[in-house]
Amino acid sequence: MYFIKKSAEIIFSPLGITSILIGIGIILSFTGRHPRGSRRFLFLGGLLFLVFLFTPISEYLMVQLEKDYPPMLNPPAFPKTDRIVVLAGYAEENNEFPITAMVSERTIGSMSEGLRLYRRLPGSKLVVSGGIVRKHERPAAAAMSDFLQQMGVPGQDIIVEGGSRNTYENLAKVKNLIGPGPFILVVQACDLRRAMAVARKLQMHPIAAPACHWVLMHHMKRGTAEDAVMYLDAMLHPSTERLSRMQWAYHEYVGFIWYRLLGRI
């Protein structure tokens, strides 16, 4: 079931559809039986690719996810909490590299935000959550714990949850560890909408602390001519980052719909 779900998600993603169109066009061109159809498929695939590469569509989709919760500049005075929960992204083991190379850029971003808040909240605990990513390796949360300890956090201030496989399981298992009280939830800004909805569905009391803002800082807020010029200038400078952001935004929107269908939010 999981394999079918992931395969369908990839196939119907923006880059998946683009690749399929171009692939069909190439196949038809080699057969030589449908030259007009081949040109049409290649044109549509190439056009989509250029739209994703040059236009700020991905920025717009991403900012709709990032703007739900403001950055937490300072920990809240009320409600009082001493638990900071950081959800995992990706990590793998390789003893030939330092711990900073074993965890993904997104995970480091979330852990850095969790570490910042931990320093601002004396007496708090960091809860890291993330299961096994690759067979025969430790959970991602174990790598996160290693990272935090090498950044100076005492081991007794870290609570590890390593049995979960997705956002819903992350929070369901964390609830068993920290109880019903309020806690700070550190997740990438674009993922926070779904994570907060899951936590509330589980009757938890999360306080949003978004990390890894990719777009919000540079988003057009005032609607001035200067902002419009900035957006036009961005369209003249294609970026492959737009492709990855488009994929991630698609993943989050589809994930939110999927979780709603499953009754998890």
Protein backbone atom coordinates (compact mmCIF):
# COMPACT_ATOMS: atom_id res chain seq x y z
CA MET A 1 0.00 0.00 0.00
CA TYR A 2 2.81 2.38 0.95
CA PHE A 3 4.67 1.61 -2.31
CA ILE A 4 1.52 2.23 -4.37
CA LYS A 5 0.86 5.51 -2.56
CA LYS A 6 4.43 6.79 -3.05
CA SER A 7 4.49 5.71 -6.70
CA ALA A 8 1.20 7.48 -7.42
CA GLU A 9 2.44 10.60 -5.64
CA ILE A 10 5.59 10.70 -7.76
CA ILE A 11 3.82 9.96 -11.06
CA PHE A 12 1.19 12.68 -10.59
CA SER A 13 3.62 15.26 -9.20
CA PRO A 14 4.52 18.32 -11.31
CA LEU A 15 7.89 16.92 -12.35
CA GLY A 16 6.40 13.44 -12.76
CA ILE A 17 3.82 14.69 -15.25
CA THR A 18 6.47 16.75 -17.03
CA SER A 19 8.77 13.73 -17.31
CA ILE A 20 5.95 11.53 -18.61
CA LEU A 21 5.00 14.03 -21.32
CA ILE A 22 8.60 14.41 -22.48
CA GLY A 23 9.16 10.64 -22.28
CA ILE A 24 6.10 9.90 -24.43
CA GLY A 25 7.26 12.52 -26.93
CA ILE A 26 10.72 10.94 -27.16
CA ILE A 27 9.29 7.44 -27.59
CA LEU A 28 6.93 8.60 -30.35
CA SER A 29 9.76 10.42 -32.11
CA PHE A 30 11.84 7.24 -32.17
CA THR A 31 9.00 5.18 -33.60
CA GLY A 32 8.37 7.78 -36.29
CA ARG A 33 4.69 6.77 -36.51
CA HIS A 34 3.16 9.86 -34.89
CA PRO A 35 5.45 12.86 -35.57
CA ARG A 36 2.73 15.41 -34.84
CA GLY A 37 1.83 13.74 -31.54
CA SER A 38 5.52 13.52 -30.64
CA ARG A 39 5.98 17.26 -31.15
CA ARG A 40 2.89 18.02 -29.09
CA PHE A 41 4.01 15.93 -26.14
CA LEU A 42 7.53 17.37 -26.26
CA PHE A 43 6.15 20.90 -26.50
CA LEU A 44 3.78 20.43 -23.54
CA GLY A 45 6.46 18.78 -21.40
CA GLY A 46 9.04 21.43 -22.26
CA LEU A 47 6.53 24.23 -21.67
CA LEU A 48 5.63 22.91 -18.22
CA PHE A 49 9.29 22.57 -17.33
CA LEU A 50 10.00 26.17 -18.34
CA VAL A 51 6.95 27.43 -16.42
CA PHE A 52 8.13 25.66 -13.26
CA LEU A 53 11.68 26.91 -13.80
CA PHE A 54 11.03 30.56 -14.64
CA THR A 55 7.81 31.58 -12.91
CA PRO A 56 7.29 32.11 -9.16
CA ILE A 57 4.48 29.54 -8.96
CA SER A 58 6.46 27.43 -6.51
CA GLU A 59 7.13 30.47 -4.32
CA TYR A 60 3.42 31.29 -4.26
CA LEU A 61 2.43 27.73 -3.33
CA MET A 62 5.14 27.55 -0.67
CA VAL A 63 4.31 30.88 0.94
CA GLN A 64 0.69 29.80 1.38
CA LEU A 65 2.04 27.02 3.61
CA GLU A 66 4.65 29.08 5.42
CA LYS A 67 2.46 32.03 6.37
CA ASP A 68 0.05 30.11 8.64
CA TYR A 69 2.19 30.54 11.75
CA PRO A 70 4.56 33.44 12.52
CA PRO A 71 8.16 32.79 13.51
CA MET A 72 8.70 32.29 17.25
CA LEU A 73 11.24 34.97 18.08
CA ASN A 74 10.94 34.30 21.81
CA PRO A 75 9.46 31.35 23.73
CA PRO A 76 5.97 32.11 25.07
CA ALA A 77 5.63 33.20 28.68
CA PHE A 78 2.19 31.60 28.73
CA PRO A 79 1.26 28.81 28.58
CA LYS A 80 4.33 27.61 30.46
CA THR A 81 6.05 24.70 28.79
CA ASP A 82 9.34 22.87 29.17
CA ARG A 83 9.05 20.46 26.23
CA ILE A 84 10.38 21.25 22.75
CA VAL A 85 9.42 18.63 20.15
CA VAL A 86 11.42 18.46 16.91
CA LEU A 87 10.14 16.22 14.12
CA ALA A 88 12.66 14.50 11.86
CA GLY A 89 13.31 14.82 8.18
CA TYR A 90 16.00 12.45 6.95
CA ALA A 91 19.16 10.92 8.39
CA GLU A 92 21.49 8.06 7.55
CA GLU A 93 24.54 6.46 9.12
CA ASN A 94 28.09 6.70 7.81
CA ASN A 95 30.92 6.61 10.31
CA GLU A 96 33.32 8.10 7.77
CA PHE A 97 31.54 11.47 7.97
CA PRO A 98 30.68 13.85 10.82
CA ILE A 99 27.17 13.93 12.22
CA THR A 100 26.46 17.17 10.34
CA ALA A 101 26.71 15.21 7.07
CA MET A 102 24.43 12.39 8.25
CA VAL A 103 21.31 14.47 8.79
CA SER A 104 19.55 16.34 6.00
CA GLU A 105 19.68 20.09 5.55
CA ARG A 106 16.02 20.38 6.52
CA THR A 107 16.55 18.33 9.67
CA ILE A 108 19.53 20.46 10.68
CA GLY A 109 17.40 23.56 10.18
CA SER A 110 14.66 22.23 12.45
CA MET A 111 17.15 21.06 15.09
CA SER A 112 18.94 24.41 15.03
CA GLU A 113 15.64 26.13 15.78
CA GLY A 114 14.90 23.62 18.52
CA LEU A 115 18.36 24.19 19.98
CA ARG A 116 17.88 27.96 19.91
CA LEU A 117 14.61 27.66 21.83
CA TYR A 118 16.20 25.18 24.25
CA ARG A 119 18.86 27.77 25.08
CA ARG A 120 16.13 30.35 25.69
CA LEU A 121 14.16 28.04 27.99
CA PRO A 122 16.32 26.96 30.95
CA GLY A 123 15.26 23.61 32.35
CA SER A 124 13.55 22.48 29.14
CA LYS A 125 13.83 19.12 27.38
CA LEU A 126 14.27 18.42 23.69
CA VAL A 127 12.11 15.64 22.26
CA VAL A 128 13.34 14.33 18.89
CA SER A 129 11.06 12.09 16.85
CA GLY A 130 11.82 10.03 13.76
CA GLY A 131 11.94 6.33 12.94
CA ILE A 132 14.14 4.11 10.81
CA VAL A 133 14.72 5.54 7.33
CA ARG A 134 16.96 2.77 5.96
CA LYS A 135 16.93 -0.88 6.97
CA HIS A 136 19.51 -2.06 9.51
CA GLU A 137 20.25 1.51 10.61
CA ARG A 138 19.35 3.41 13.74
CA PRO A 139 16.28 5.67 13.79
CA ALA A 140 16.62 9.21 12.50
CA ALA A 141 15.90 10.43 16.03
CA ALA A 142 19.09 8.72 17.24
CA ALA A 143 21.14 10.70 14.71
CA MET A 144 19.31 13.86 15.80
CA SER A 145 20.21 13.10 19.42
CA ASP A 146 23.86 12.64 18.42
CA PHE A 147 23.80 15.98 16.62
CA LEU A 148 22.34 17.80 19.63
CA GLN A 149 24.78 16.22 22.06
CA GLN A 150 27.71 17.21 19.86
CA MET A 151 26.25 20.72 19.89
CA GLY A 152 26.51 20.69 23.69
CA VAL A 153 23.08 19.49 24.86
CA PRO A 154 23.36 17.05 27.79
CA GLY A 155 22.02 13.59 27.02
CA GLN A 156 19.62 13.76 29.97
CA ASP A 157 17.89 16.73 28.34
CA ILE A 158 17.06 14.75 25.18
CA ILE A 159 14.09 12.41 24.84
CA VAL A 160 14.27 10.10 21.80
CA GLU A 161 11.24 8.69 19.99
CA GLY A 162 12.48 6.37 17.26
CA GLY A 163 9.52 4.18 16.36
CA SER A 164 7.48 6.41 14.07
CA ARG A 165 7.31 6.44 10.27
CA ASN A 166 5.30 9.55 9.44
CA THR A 167 3.97 12.79 10.91
CA TYR A 168 0.91 11.16 12.43
CA GLU A 169 2.94 8.47 14.18
CA ASN A 170 5.53 11.05 15.24
CA LEU A 171 2.97 12.96 17.24
CA ALA A 172 0.96 9.97 18.46
CA LYS A 173 4.09 8.43 19.99
CA VAL A 174 5.33 11.76 21.33
CA LYS A 175 2.01 12.19 23.11
CA ASN A 176 2.69 8.97 25.03
CA LEU A 177 6.07 10.39 26.12
CA ILE A 178 5.18 13.93 27.17
CA GLY A 179 1.55 13.69 28.21
CA PRO A 180 -1.29 16.15 27.53
CA GLY A 181 0.42 19.40 28.52
CA PRO A 182 1.43 22.21 26.14
CA PHE A 183 4.63 21.86 24.16
CA ILE A 184 6.55 23.74 21.49
CA LEU A 185 6.36 22.01 18.12
CA VAL A 186 9.32 22.66 15.82
CA VAL A 187 8.72 21.69 12.19
CA GLN A 188 9.68 23.15 8.85
CA ALA A 189 7.39 26.08 8.15
CA CYS A 190 5.90 24.48 5.04
CA ASP A 191 5.08 21.27 6.98
CA LEU A 192 3.61 22.94 10.04
CA ARG A 193 0.01 23.23 8.84
CA ARG A 194 -0.37 19.45 8.65
CA ALA A 195 1.62 18.76 11.84
CA MET A 196 -0.43 21.23 13.89
CA ALA A 197 -3.68 19.78 12.54
CA VAL A 198 -2.57 16.26 13.48
CA ALA A 199 -1.56 17.35 16.99
CA ARG A 200 -4.92 19.00 17.59
CA LYS A 201 -6.74 15.94 16.25
CA LEU A 202 -4.83 13.91 18.86
CA GLN A 203 -6.05 16.39 21.50
CA MET A 204 -2.57 17.68 22.11
CA HIS A 205 -1.69 21.31 22.86
CA PRO A 206 1.05 22.38 20.43
CA ILE A 207 2.63 25.82 20.22
CA ALA A 208 3.86 26.41 16.68
CA ALA A 209 7.55 27.16 16.13
CA PRO A 210 8.20 27.11 12.37
CA ALA A 211 11.73 26.49 11.09
CA CYS A 212 13.40 26.69 7.68
CA HIS A 213 11.49 29.56 6.10
CA TRP A 214 12.35 29.28 2.41
CA VAL A 215 10.06 31.88 0.85
CA LEU A 216 8.20 33.96 3.45
CA MET A 217 11.09 36.34 4.16
CA HIS A 218 11.21 37.40 0.51
CA HIS A 219 7.50 37.27 -0.32
CA MET A 220 5.74 40.32 -1.72
CA LYS A 221 3.91 41.76 1.30
CA ARG A 222 3.18 45.37 0.50
CA GLY A 223 2.11 45.03 -3.13
CA THR A 224 4.33 47.96 -4.18
CA ALA A 225 5.85 48.56 -7.59
CA GLU A 226 9.25 47.66 -6.12
CA ASP A 227 7.92 44.24 -5.11
CA ALA A 228 6.47 43.71 -8.59
CA VAL A 229 9.83 44.55 -10.16
CA MET A 230 11.51 42.08 -7.80
CA TYR A 231 9.17 39.32 -8.95
CA LEU A 232 9.71 40.17 -12.62
CA ASP A 233 13.45 40.11 -12.06
CA ALA A 234 13.16 36.69 -10.43
CA MET A 235 11.42 35.37 -13.54
CA LEU A 236 14.45 36.38 -15.62
CA HIS A 237 16.69 34.24 -13.41
CA PRO A 238 15.58 30.60 -13.54
CA SER A 239 16.39 28.51 -10.50
CA THR A 240 16.43 24.75 -10.02
CA GLU A 241 15.39 25.42 -6.41
CA ARG A 242 11.94 26.22 -7.78
CA LEU A 243 11.66 22.64 -9.02
CA SER A 244 12.38 21.13 -5.59
CA ARG A 245 10.08 23.64 -3.90
CA MET A 246 7.33 22.82 -6.36
CA GLN A 247 7.69 19.13 -5.53
CA TRP A 248 7.71 19.78 -1.78
CA ALA A 249 4.68 22.07 -1.91
CA TYR A 250 2.82 19.44 -3.95
CA HIS A 251 3.81 16.80 -1.37
CA GLU A 252 2.40 18.89 1.46
CA TYR A 253 -0.89 19.76 -0.25
CA VAL A 254 -1.47 16.14 -1.25
CA GLY A 255 -0.42 14.97 2.21
CA PHE A 256 -2.92 17.31 3.85
CA ILE A 257 -5.74 16.00 1.65
CA TRP A 258 -4.66 12.40 2.28
CA TYR A 259 -4.61 12.91 6.05
CA ARG A 260 -8.06 14.47 5.90
CA LEU A 261 -9.40 11.48 3.98
CA LEU A 262 -7.88 9.16 6.62
CA GLY A 263 -9.43 11.18 9.44
CA ARG A 264 -6.05 12.13 10.90
CA ILE A 265 -6.79 15.84 10.83
